[in-house]
Amino acid sequence: MLRCRKPNKGMITLPAIVNHQNAKEVCETGILQIKNHEKSIDASSLEEFDSSILAVLLAWFRVKSDMEIHGFPQKLQVLAKVYGLEELLTLKVPQ
């Protein structure tokens, strides 16, 4: 079973790879962690991903709309812009 690592209390750490093959499992695992009071997402481990990561993040924001993303990769910002989600996801990145 795939697990989103939890190095810091209250934070979900995304795996290095999120794509169409594992997105459903990443999403479900993250939703369980959010329901257990996780408050933020560490995206710094992301190395390979496709647009499935956007679906995962949007699903998580539907469960908890005030989540923050730490370590937001530049490539993910570009992908969010292509899909018209840049403003939504940028708002979730702490300054």
PDB file of N, CA and C in Angstrom:
ATOM      1  N   MET A   1       0.831  -1.186   0.000  1.00  0.00           N
ATOM      2  CA  MET A   1       0.000   0.000   0.000  1.00  0.00           C
ATOM      3  C   MET A   1       0.870   1.242   0.000  1.00  0.00           C
ATOM      4  N   LEU A   2       0.531   2.182  -0.830  1.00  0.00           N
ATOM      5  CA  LEU A   2       1.232   3.451  -0.902  1.00  0.00           C
ATOM      6  C   LEU A   2       0.861   4.308   0.291  1.00  0.00           C
ATOM      7  N   ARG A   3       1.830   4.983   0.832  1.00  0.00           N
ATOM      8  CA  ARG A   3       1.544   5.884   1.949  1.00  0.00           C
ATOM      9  C   ARG A   3       2.147   7.245   1.654  1.00  0.00           C
ATOM     10  N   CYS A   4       1.404   8.255   1.974  1.00  0.00           N
ATOM     11  CA  CYS A   4       1.959   9.601   1.970  1.00  0.00           C
ATOM     12  C   CYS A   4       2.690   9.730   3.298  1.00  0.00           C
ATOM     13  N   ARG A   5       3.982   9.994   3.241  1.00  0.00           N
ATOM     14  CA  ARG A   5       4.769  10.066   4.460  1.00  0.00           C
ATOM     15  C   ARG A   5       4.333  11.227   5.338  1.00  0.00           C
ATOM     16  N   LYS A   6       4.541  11.086   6.631  1.00  0.00           N
ATOM     17  CA  LYS A   6       4.196  12.121   7.602  1.00  0.00           C
ATOM     18  C   LYS A   6       5.417  12.440   8.459  1.00  0.00           C
ATOM     19  N   PRO A   7       6.385  13.220   7.932  1.00  0.00           N
ATOM     20  CA  PRO A   7       7.570  13.511   8.725  1.00  0.00           C
ATOM     21  C   PRO A   7       7.297  14.501   9.842  1.00  0.00           C
ATOM     22  N   ASN A   8       6.353  15.369   9.650  1.00  0.00           N
ATOM     23  CA  ASN A   8       6.024  16.370  10.657  1.00  0.00           C
ATOM     24  C   ASN A   8       4.570  16.208  11.049  1.00  0.00           C
ATOM     25  N   LYS A   9       4.307  16.319  12.312  1.00  0.00           N
ATOM     26  CA  LYS A   9       2.928  16.228  12.776  1.00  0.00           C
ATOM     27  C   LYS A   9       2.093  17.298  12.076  1.00  0.00           C
ATOM     28  N   GLY A  10       0.960  16.879  11.583  1.00  0.00           N
ATOM     29  CA  GLY A  10       0.064  17.812  10.917  1.00  0.00           C
ATOM     30  C   GLY A  10       0.369  18.048   9.455  1.00  0.00           C
ATOM     31  N   MET A  11       1.337  17.296   8.883  1.00  0.00           N
ATOM     32  CA  MET A  11       1.719  17.528   7.498  1.00  0.00           C
ATOM     33  C   MET A  11       1.730  16.220   6.708  1.00  0.00           C
ATOM     34  N   ILE A  12       1.130  16.248   5.530  1.00  0.00           N
ATOM     35  CA  ILE A  12       1.173  15.127   4.597  1.00  0.00           C
ATOM     36  C   ILE A  12       2.330  15.385   3.643  1.00  0.00           C
ATOM     37  N   THR A  13       3.207  14.417   3.466  1.00  0.00           N
ATOM     38  CA  THR A  13       4.283  14.543   2.498  1.00  0.00           C
ATOM     39  C   THR A  13       3.954  13.681   1.289  1.00  0.00           C
ATOM     40  N   LEU A  14       3.857  14.319   0.146  1.00  0.00           N
ATOM     41  CA  LEU A  14       3.553  13.602  -1.084  1.00  0.00           C
ATOM     42  C   LEU A  14       4.705  12.688  -1.475  1.00  0.00           C
ATOM     43  N   PRO A  15       4.409  11.565  -2.122  1.00  0.00           N
ATOM     44  CA  PRO A  15       5.474  10.687  -2.600  1.00  0.00           C
ATOM     45  C   PRO A  15       6.207  11.336  -3.780  1.00  0.00           C
ATOM     46  N   ALA A  16       7.327  10.763  -4.175  1.00  0.00           N
ATOM     47  CA  ALA A  16       8.131  11.312  -5.271  1.00  0.00           C
ATOM     48  C   ALA A  16       7.401  11.256  -6.608  1.00  0.00           C
ATOM     49  N   ILE A  17       6.549  10.256  -6.782  1.00  0.00           N
ATOM     50  CA  ILE A  17       5.845  10.079  -8.047  1.00  0.00           C
ATOM     51  C   ILE A  17       4.344  10.052  -7.809  1.00  0.00           C
ATOM     52  N   VAL A  18       3.630  10.914  -8.526  1.00  0.00           N
ATOM     53  CA  VAL A  18       2.163  10.893  -8.525  1.00  0.00           C
ATOM     54  C   VAL A  18       1.735  10.986  -9.987  1.00  0.00           C
ATOM     55  N   ASN A  19       1.066   9.934 -10.450  1.00  0.00           N
ATOM     56  CA  ASN A  19       0.594   9.923 -11.831  1.00  0.00           C
ATOM     57  C   ASN A  19      -0.717   9.156 -11.906  1.00  0.00           C
ATOM     58  N   HIS A  20      -1.185   8.936 -13.119  1.00  0.00           N
ATOM     59  CA  HIS A  20      -2.473   8.271 -13.289  1.00  0.00           C
ATOM     60  C   HIS A  20      -2.493   6.861 -12.699  1.00  0.00           C
ATOM     61  N   GLN A  21      -1.335   6.256 -12.530  1.00  0.00           N
ATOM     62  CA  GLN A  21      -1.273   4.898 -11.987  1.00  0.00           C
ATOM     63  C   GLN A  21      -1.489   4.847 -10.479  1.00  0.00           C
ATOM     64  N   ASN A  22      -1.071   5.866  -9.760  1.00  0.00           N
ATOM     65  CA  ASN A  22      -1.195   5.813  -8.304  1.00  0.00           C
ATOM     66  C   ASN A  22      -2.016   6.956  -7.704  1.00  0.00           C
ATOM     67  N   ALA A  23      -2.556   7.823  -8.538  1.00  0.00           N
ATOM     68  CA  ALA A  23      -3.260   9.014  -8.033  1.00  0.00           C
ATOM     69  C   ALA A  23      -4.443   8.661  -7.134  1.00  0.00           C
ATOM     70  N   LYS A  24      -5.206   7.658  -7.490  1.00  0.00           N
ATOM     71  CA  LYS A  24      -6.373   7.301  -6.672  1.00  0.00           C
ATOM     72  C   LYS A  24      -5.944   6.886  -5.271  1.00  0.00           C
ATOM     73  N   GLU A  25      -4.902   6.085  -5.197  1.00  0.00           N
ATOM     74  CA  GLU A  25      -4.422   5.632  -3.888  1.00  0.00           C
ATOM     75  C   GLU A  25      -3.824   6.784  -3.082  1.00  0.00           C
ATOM     76  N   VAL A  26      -3.054   7.659  -3.738  1.00  0.00           N
ATOM     77  CA  VAL A  26      -2.501   8.832  -3.058  1.00  0.00           C
ATOM     78  C   VAL A  26      -3.640   9.699  -2.526  1.00  0.00           C
ATOM     79  N   CYS A  27      -4.651   9.892  -3.368  1.00  0.00           N
ATOM     80  CA  CYS A  27      -5.795  10.718  -2.975  1.00  0.00           C
ATOM     81  C   CYS A  27      -6.512  10.138  -1.760  1.00  0.00           C
ATOM     82  N   GLU A  28      -6.825   8.864  -1.811  1.00  0.00           N
ATOM     83  CA  GLU A  28      -7.546   8.222  -0.707  1.00  0.00           C
ATOM     84  C   GLU A  28      -6.744   8.231   0.582  1.00  0.00           C
ATOM     85  N   THR A  29      -5.445   7.966   0.470  1.00  0.00           N
ATOM     86  CA  THR A  29      -4.581   7.977   1.648  1.00  0.00           C
ATOM     87  C   THR A  29      -4.535   9.374   2.260  1.00  0.00           C
ATOM     88  N   GLY A  30      -4.399  10.385   1.407  1.00  0.00           N
ATOM     89  CA  GLY A  30      -4.364  11.757   1.882  1.00  0.00           C
ATOM     90  C   GLY A  30      -5.662  12.189   2.534  1.00  0.00           C
ATOM     91  N   ILE A  31      -6.787  11.772   1.962  1.00  0.00           N
ATOM     92  CA  ILE A  31      -8.089  12.128   2.552  1.00  0.00           C
ATOM     93  C   ILE A  31      -8.210  11.541   3.955  1.00  0.00           C
ATOM     94  N   LEU A  32      -7.748  10.323   4.141  1.00  0.00           N
ATOM     95  CA  LEU A  32      -7.770   9.727   5.488  1.00  0.00           C
ATOM     96  C   LEU A  32      -6.910  10.536   6.454  1.00  0.00           C
ATOM     97  N   GLN A  33      -5.753  10.963   5.984  1.00  0.00           N
ATOM     98  CA  GLN A  33      -4.864  11.745   6.841  1.00  0.00           C
ATOM     99  C   GLN A  33      -5.467  13.119   7.149  1.00  0.00           C
ATOM    100  N   ILE A  34      -6.119  13.718   6.159  1.00  0.00           N
ATOM    101  CA  ILE A  34      -6.773  15.013   6.390  1.00  0.00           C
ATOM    102  C   ILE A  34      -7.876  14.856   7.424  1.00  0.00           C
ATOM    103  N   LYS A  35      -8.633  13.784   7.322  1.00  0.00           N
ATOM    104  CA  LYS A  35      -9.700  13.543   8.298  1.00  0.00           C
ATOM    105  C   LYS A  35      -9.138  13.281   9.686  1.00  0.00           C
ATOM    106  N   ASN A  36      -7.853  12.905   9.750  1.00  0.00           N
ATOM    107  CA  ASN A  36      -7.175  12.728  11.032  1.00  0.00           C
ATOM    108  C   ASN A  36      -6.434  13.997  11.437  1.00  0.00           C
ATOM    109  N   HIS A  37      -6.890  15.126  10.896  1.00  0.00           N
ATOM    110  CA  HIS A  37      -6.453  16.458  11.319  1.00  0.00           C
ATOM    111  C   HIS A  37      -5.111  16.913  10.766  1.00  0.00           C
ATOM    112  N   GLU A  38      -4.670  16.360   9.634  1.00  0.00           N
ATOM    113  CA  GLU A  38      -3.469  16.903   8.990  1.00  0.00           C
ATOM    114  C   GLU A  38      -3.843  18.274   8.433  1.00  0.00           C
ATOM    115  N   LYS A  39      -2.916  19.227   8.510  1.00  0.00           N
ATOM    116  CA  LYS A  39      -3.241  20.611   8.185  1.00  0.00           C
ATOM    117  C   LYS A  39      -2.518  21.164   6.976  1.00  0.00           C
ATOM    118  N   SER A  40      -1.460  20.501   6.525  1.00  0.00           N
ATOM    119  CA  SER A  40      -0.708  21.035   5.397  1.00  0.00           C
ATOM    120  C   SER A  40      -0.095  19.909   4.572  1.00  0.00           C
ATOM    121  N   ILE A  41       0.409  20.285   3.414  1.00  0.00           N
ATOM    122  CA  ILE A  41       0.956  19.333   2.449  1.00  0.00           C
ATOM    123  C   ILE A  41       2.394  19.730   2.153  1.00  0.00           C
ATOM    124  N   ASP A  42       3.293  18.756   2.211  1.00  0.00           N
ATOM    125  CA  ASP A  42       4.681  18.966   1.808  1.00  0.00           C
ATOM    126  C   ASP A  42       4.840  18.372   0.413  1.00  0.00           C
ATOM    127  N   ALA A  43       5.007  19.234  -0.589  1.00  0.00           N
ATOM    128  CA  ALA A  43       5.140  18.788  -1.977  1.00  0.00           C
ATOM    129  C   ALA A  43       6.593  18.753  -2.427  1.00  0.00           C
ATOM    130  N   SER A  44       7.526  18.980  -1.526  1.00  0.00           N
ATOM    131  CA  SER A  44       8.941  19.077  -1.910  1.00  0.00           C
ATOM    132  C   SER A  44       9.527  17.761  -2.398  1.00  0.00           C
ATOM    133  N   SER A  45       8.897  16.634  -2.090  1.00  0.00           N
ATOM    134  CA  SER A  45       9.396  15.336  -2.552  1.00  0.00           C
ATOM    135  C   SER A  45       8.974  15.015  -3.974  1.00  0.00           C
ATOM    136  N   LEU A  46       8.007  15.753  -4.504  1.00  0.00           N
ATOM    137  CA  LEU A  46       7.517  15.480  -5.851  1.00  0.00           C
ATOM    138  C   LEU A  46       8.629  15.638  -6.880  1.00  0.00           C
ATOM    139  N   GLU A  47       8.875  14.567  -7.626  1.00  0.00           N
ATOM    140  CA  GLU A  47       9.877  14.604  -8.688  1.00  0.00           C
ATOM    141  C   GLU A  47       9.240  14.348 -10.046  1.00  0.00           C
ATOM    142  N   GLU A  48       8.326  13.383 -10.097  1.00  0.00           N
ATOM    143  CA  GLU A  48       7.637  13.043 -11.336  1.00  0.00           C
ATOM    144  C   GLU A  48       6.143  13.082 -11.082  1.00  0.00           C
ATOM    145  N   PHE A  49       5.430  13.803 -11.934  1.00  0.00           N
ATOM    146  CA  PHE A  49       3.979  13.868 -11.779  1.00  0.00           C
ATOM    147  C   PHE A  49       3.359  14.295 -13.093  1.00  0.00           C
ATOM    148  N   ASP A  50       2.093  13.982 -13.222  1.00  0.00           N
ATOM    149  CA  ASP A  50       1.316  14.439 -14.367  1.00  0.00           C
ATOM    150  C   ASP A  50       0.116  15.204 -13.838  1.00  0.00           C
ATOM    151  N   SER A  51      -0.831  15.496 -14.695  1.00  0.00           N
ATOM    152  CA  SER A  51      -1.974  16.310 -14.277  1.00  0.00           C
ATOM    153  C   SER A  51      -2.814  15.638 -13.201  1.00  0.00           C
ATOM    154  N   SER A  52      -2.597  14.368 -12.955  1.00  0.00           N
ATOM    155  CA  SER A  52      -3.317  13.670 -11.883  1.00  0.00           C
ATOM    156  C   SER A  52      -3.073  14.324 -10.527  1.00  0.00           C
ATOM    157  N   ILE A  53      -1.907  14.932 -10.331  1.00  0.00           N
ATOM    158  CA  ILE A  53      -1.619  15.581  -9.055  1.00  0.00           C
ATOM    159  C   ILE A  53      -2.600  16.718  -8.785  1.00  0.00           C
ATOM    160  N   LEU A  54      -3.039  17.389  -9.850  1.00  0.00           N
ATOM    161  CA  LEU A  54      -4.014  18.469  -9.666  1.00  0.00           C
ATOM    162  C   LEU A  54      -5.338  17.918  -9.171  1.00  0.00           C
ATOM    163  N   ALA A  55      -5.753  16.777  -9.700  1.00  0.00           N
ATOM    164  CA  ALA A  55      -6.994  16.146  -9.240  1.00  0.00           C
ATOM    165  C   ALA A  55      -6.876  15.752  -7.772  1.00  0.00           C
ATOM    166  N   VAL A  56      -5.717  15.237  -7.384  1.00  0.00           N
ATOM    167  CA  VAL A  56      -5.485  14.851  -5.985  1.00  0.00           C
ATOM    168  C   VAL A  56      -5.593  16.082  -5.081  1.00  0.00           C
ATOM    169  N   LEU A  57      -4.885  17.147  -5.433  1.00  0.00           N
ATOM    170  CA  LEU A  57      -4.903  18.356  -4.605  1.00  0.00           C
ATOM    171  C   LEU A  57      -6.299  18.957  -4.519  1.00  0.00           C
ATOM    172  N   LEU A  58      -7.014  18.999  -5.626  1.00  0.00           N
ATOM    173  CA  LEU A  58      -8.373  19.545  -5.607  1.00  0.00           C
ATOM    174  C   LEU A  58      -9.294  18.702  -4.731  1.00  0.00           C
ATOM    175  N   ALA A  59      -9.148  17.390  -4.786  1.00  0.00           N
ATOM    176  CA  ALA A  59      -9.959  16.518  -3.923  1.00  0.00           C
ATOM    177  C   ALA A  59      -9.650  16.793  -2.456  1.00  0.00           C
ATOM    178  N   TRP A  60      -8.382  16.976  -2.136  1.00  0.00           N
ATOM    179  CA  TRP A  60      -8.002  17.264  -0.754  1.00  0.00           C
ATOM    180  C   TRP A  60      -8.556  18.614  -0.306  1.00  0.00           C
ATOM    181  N   PHE A  61      -8.520  19.622  -1.188  1.00  0.00           N
ATOM    182  CA  PHE A  61      -9.045  20.936  -0.833  1.00  0.00           C
ATOM    183  C   PHE A  61     -10.557  20.907  -0.655  1.00  0.00           C
ATOM    184  N   ARG A  62     -11.239  19.973  -1.314  1.00  0.00           N
ATOM    185  CA  ARG A  62     -12.681  19.845  -1.088  1.00  0.00           C
ATOM    186  C   ARG A  62     -12.960  19.335   0.323  1.00  0.00           C
ATOM    187  N   VAL A  63     -12.062  18.530   0.856  1.00  0.00           N
ATOM    188  CA  VAL A  63     -12.219  18.010   2.215  1.00  0.00           C
ATOM    189  C   VAL A  63     -11.819  19.070   3.242  1.00  0.00           C
ATOM    190  N   LYS A  64     -10.727  19.772   2.972  1.00  0.00           N
ATOM    191  CA  LYS A  64     -10.229  20.811   3.899  1.00  0.00           C
ATOM    192  C   LYS A  64      -9.709  21.968   3.062  1.00  0.00           C
ATOM    193  N   SER A  65     -10.502  22.995   2.959  1.00  0.00           N
ATOM    194  CA  SER A  65     -10.211  24.089   2.033  1.00  0.00           C
ATOM    195  C   SER A  65      -9.071  25.012   2.472  1.00  0.00           C
ATOM    196  N   ASP A  66      -8.655  24.948   3.718  1.00  0.00           N
ATOM    197  CA  ASP A  66      -7.598  25.856   4.168  1.00  0.00           C
ATOM    198  C   ASP A  66      -6.238  25.174   4.312  1.00  0.00           C
ATOM    199  N   MET A  67      -6.037  24.088   3.572  1.00  0.00           N
ATOM    200  CA  MET A  67      -4.736  23.404   3.595  1.00  0.00           C
ATOM    201  C   MET A  67      -3.681  24.313   2.960  1.00  0.00           C
ATOM    202  N   GLU A  68      -2.458  24.210   3.423  1.00  0.00           N
ATOM    203  CA  GLU A  68      -1.333  24.936   2.840  1.00  0.00           C
ATOM    204  C   GLU A  68      -0.407  23.949   2.165  1.00  0.00           C
ATOM    205  N   ILE A  69       0.204  24.373   1.063  1.00  0.00           N
ATOM    206  CA  ILE A  69       1.185  23.537   0.369  1.00  0.00           C
ATOM    207  C   ILE A  69       2.561  24.132   0.612  1.00  0.00           C
ATOM    208  N   HIS A  70       3.467  23.315   1.095  1.00  0.00           N
ATOM    209  CA  HIS A  70       4.859  23.715   1.290  1.00  0.00           C
ATOM    210  C   HIS A  70       5.701  23.018   0.230  1.00  0.00           C
ATOM    211  N   GLY A  71       6.757  23.662  -0.236  1.00  0.00           N
ATOM    212  CA  GLY A  71       7.651  23.054  -1.210  1.00  0.00           C
ATOM    213  C   GLY A  71       7.011  22.865  -2.576  1.00  0.00           C
ATOM    214  N   PHE A  72       6.202  23.816  -2.987  1.00  0.00           N
ATOM    215  CA  PHE A  72       5.454  23.759  -4.247  1.00  0.00           C
ATOM    216  C   PHE A  72       6.432  23.829  -5.419  1.00  0.00           C
ATOM    217  N   PRO A  73       6.657  22.716  -6.169  1.00  0.00           N
ATOM    218  CA  PRO A  73       7.627  22.733  -7.277  1.00  0.00           C
ATOM    219  C   PRO A  73       7.204  23.685  -8.410  1.00  0.00           C
ATOM    220  N   GLN A  74       8.184  24.312  -9.022  1.00  0.00           N
ATOM    221  CA  GLN A  74       7.925  25.230 -10.135  1.00  0.00           C
ATOM    222  C   GLN A  74       7.147  24.531 -11.255  1.00  0.00           C
ATOM    223  N   LYS A  75       7.492  23.304 -11.566  1.00  0.00           N
ATOM    224  CA  LYS A  75       6.800  22.564 -12.628  1.00  0.00           C
ATOM    225  C   LYS A  75       5.311  22.400 -12.295  1.00  0.00           C
ATOM    226  N   LEU A  76       4.996  22.241 -11.033  1.00  0.00           N
ATOM    227  CA  LEU A  76       3.602  22.112 -10.620  1.00  0.00           C
ATOM    228  C   LEU A  76       2.871  23.446 -10.778  1.00  0.00           C
ATOM    229  N   GLN A  77       3.556  24.545 -10.515  1.00  0.00           N
ATOM    230  CA  GLN A  77       2.956  25.855 -10.730  1.00  0.00           C
ATOM    231  C   GLN A  77       2.629  26.067 -12.211  1.00  0.00           C
ATOM    232  N   VAL A  78       3.534  25.646 -13.093  1.00  0.00           N
ATOM    233  CA  VAL A  78       3.305  25.758 -14.536  1.00  0.00           C
ATOM    234  C   VAL A  78       2.107  24.905 -14.948  1.00  0.00           C
ATOM    235  N   LEU A  79       2.044  23.681 -14.448  1.00  0.00           N
ATOM    236  CA  LEU A  79       0.928  22.789 -14.772  1.00  0.00           C
ATOM    237  C   LEU A  79      -0.393  23.376 -14.283  1.00  0.00           C
ATOM    238  N   ALA A  80      -0.391  23.925 -13.081  1.00  0.00           N
ATOM    239  CA  ALA A  80      -1.605  24.549 -12.544  1.00  0.00           C
ATOM    240  C   ALA A  80      -2.044  25.720 -13.423  1.00  0.00           C
ATOM    241  N   LYS A  81      -1.085  26.480 -13.931  1.00  0.00           N
ATOM    242  CA  LYS A  81      -1.407  27.614 -14.802  1.00  0.00           C
ATOM    243  C   LYS A  81      -2.038  27.128 -16.106  1.00  0.00           C
ATOM    244  N   VAL A  82      -1.496  26.073 -16.684  1.00  0.00           N
ATOM    245  CA  VAL A  82      -2.031  25.513 -17.929  1.00  0.00           C
ATOM    246  C   VAL A  82      -3.490  25.103 -17.751  1.00  0.00           C
ATOM    247  N   TYR A  83      -3.832  24.582 -16.586  1.00  0.00           N
ATOM    248  CA  TYR A  83      -5.196  24.128 -16.305  1.00  0.00           C
ATOM    249  C   TYR A  83      -6.079  25.216 -15.684  1.00  0.00           C
ATOM    250  N   GLY A  84      -5.553  26.424 -15.578  1.00  0.00           N
ATOM    251  CA  GLY A  84      -6.342  27.523 -15.038  1.00  0.00           C
ATOM    252  C   GLY A  84      -6.553  27.448 -13.538  1.00  0.00           C
ATOM    253  N   LEU A  85      -5.662  26.753 -12.836  1.00  0.00           N
ATOM    254  CA  LEU A  85      -5.799  26.574 -11.387  1.00  0.00           C
ATOM    255  C   LEU A  85      -4.709  27.289 -10.607  1.00  0.00           C
ATOM    256  N   GLU A  86      -3.898  28.049 -11.305  1.00  0.00           N
ATOM    257  CA  GLU A  86      -2.754  28.694 -10.668  1.00  0.00           C
ATOM    258  C   GLU A  86      -3.166  29.564  -9.483  1.00  0.00           C
ATOM    259  N   GLU A  87      -4.183  30.373  -9.668  1.00  0.00           N
ATOM    260  CA  GLU A  87      -4.597  31.273  -8.592  1.00  0.00           C
ATOM    261  C   GLU A  87      -5.096  30.482  -7.375  1.00  0.00           C
ATOM    262  N   LEU A  88      -5.886  29.457  -7.621  1.00  0.00           N
ATOM    263  CA  LEU A  88      -6.416  28.642  -6.527  1.00  0.00           C
ATOM    264  C   LEU A  88      -5.283  27.986  -5.739  1.00  0.00           C
ATOM    265  N   LEU A  89      -4.349  27.362  -6.438  1.00  0.00           N
ATOM    266  CA  LEU A  89      -3.262  26.662  -5.747  1.00  0.00           C
ATOM    267  C   LEU A  89      -2.231  27.627  -5.186  1.00  0.00           C
ATOM    268  N   THR A  90      -1.989  28.739  -5.853  1.00  0.00           N
ATOM    269  CA  THR A  90      -1.035  29.730  -5.351  1.00  0.00           C
ATOM    270  C   THR A  90      -1.517  30.286  -4.007  1.00  0.00           C
ATOM    271  N   LEU A  91      -2.816  30.450  -3.861  1.00  0.00           N
ATOM    272  CA  LEU A  91      -3.359  30.954  -2.610  1.00  0.00           C
ATOM    273  C   LEU A  91      -3.088  30.011  -1.444  1.00  0.00           C
ATOM    274  N   LYS A  92      -2.833  28.766  -1.735  1.00  0.00           N
ATOM    275  CA  LYS A  92      -2.597  27.775  -0.690  1.00  0.00           C
ATOM    276  C   LYS A  92      -1.134  27.660  -0.296  1.00  0.00           C
ATOM    277  N   VAL A  93      -0.263  28.391  -0.978  1.00  0.00           N
ATOM    278  CA  VAL A  93       1.158  28.313  -0.688  1.00  0.00           C
ATOM    279  C   VAL A  93       1.529  29.406   0.292  1.00  0.00           C
ATOM    280  N   PRO A  94       2.012  29.060   1.491  1.00  0.00           N
ATOM    281  CA  PRO A  94       2.393  30.092   2.454  1.00  0.00           C
ATOM    282  C   PRO A  94       3.586  30.875   1.947  1.00  0.00           C
ATOM    283  N   GLN A  95       3.618  32.156   2.232  1.00  0.00           N
ATOM    284  CA  GLN A  95       4.715  33.037   1.765  1.00  0.00           C
ATOM    285  C   GLN A  95       5.869  32.991   2.724  1.00  0.00           C
TER     286      GLN A  95
END
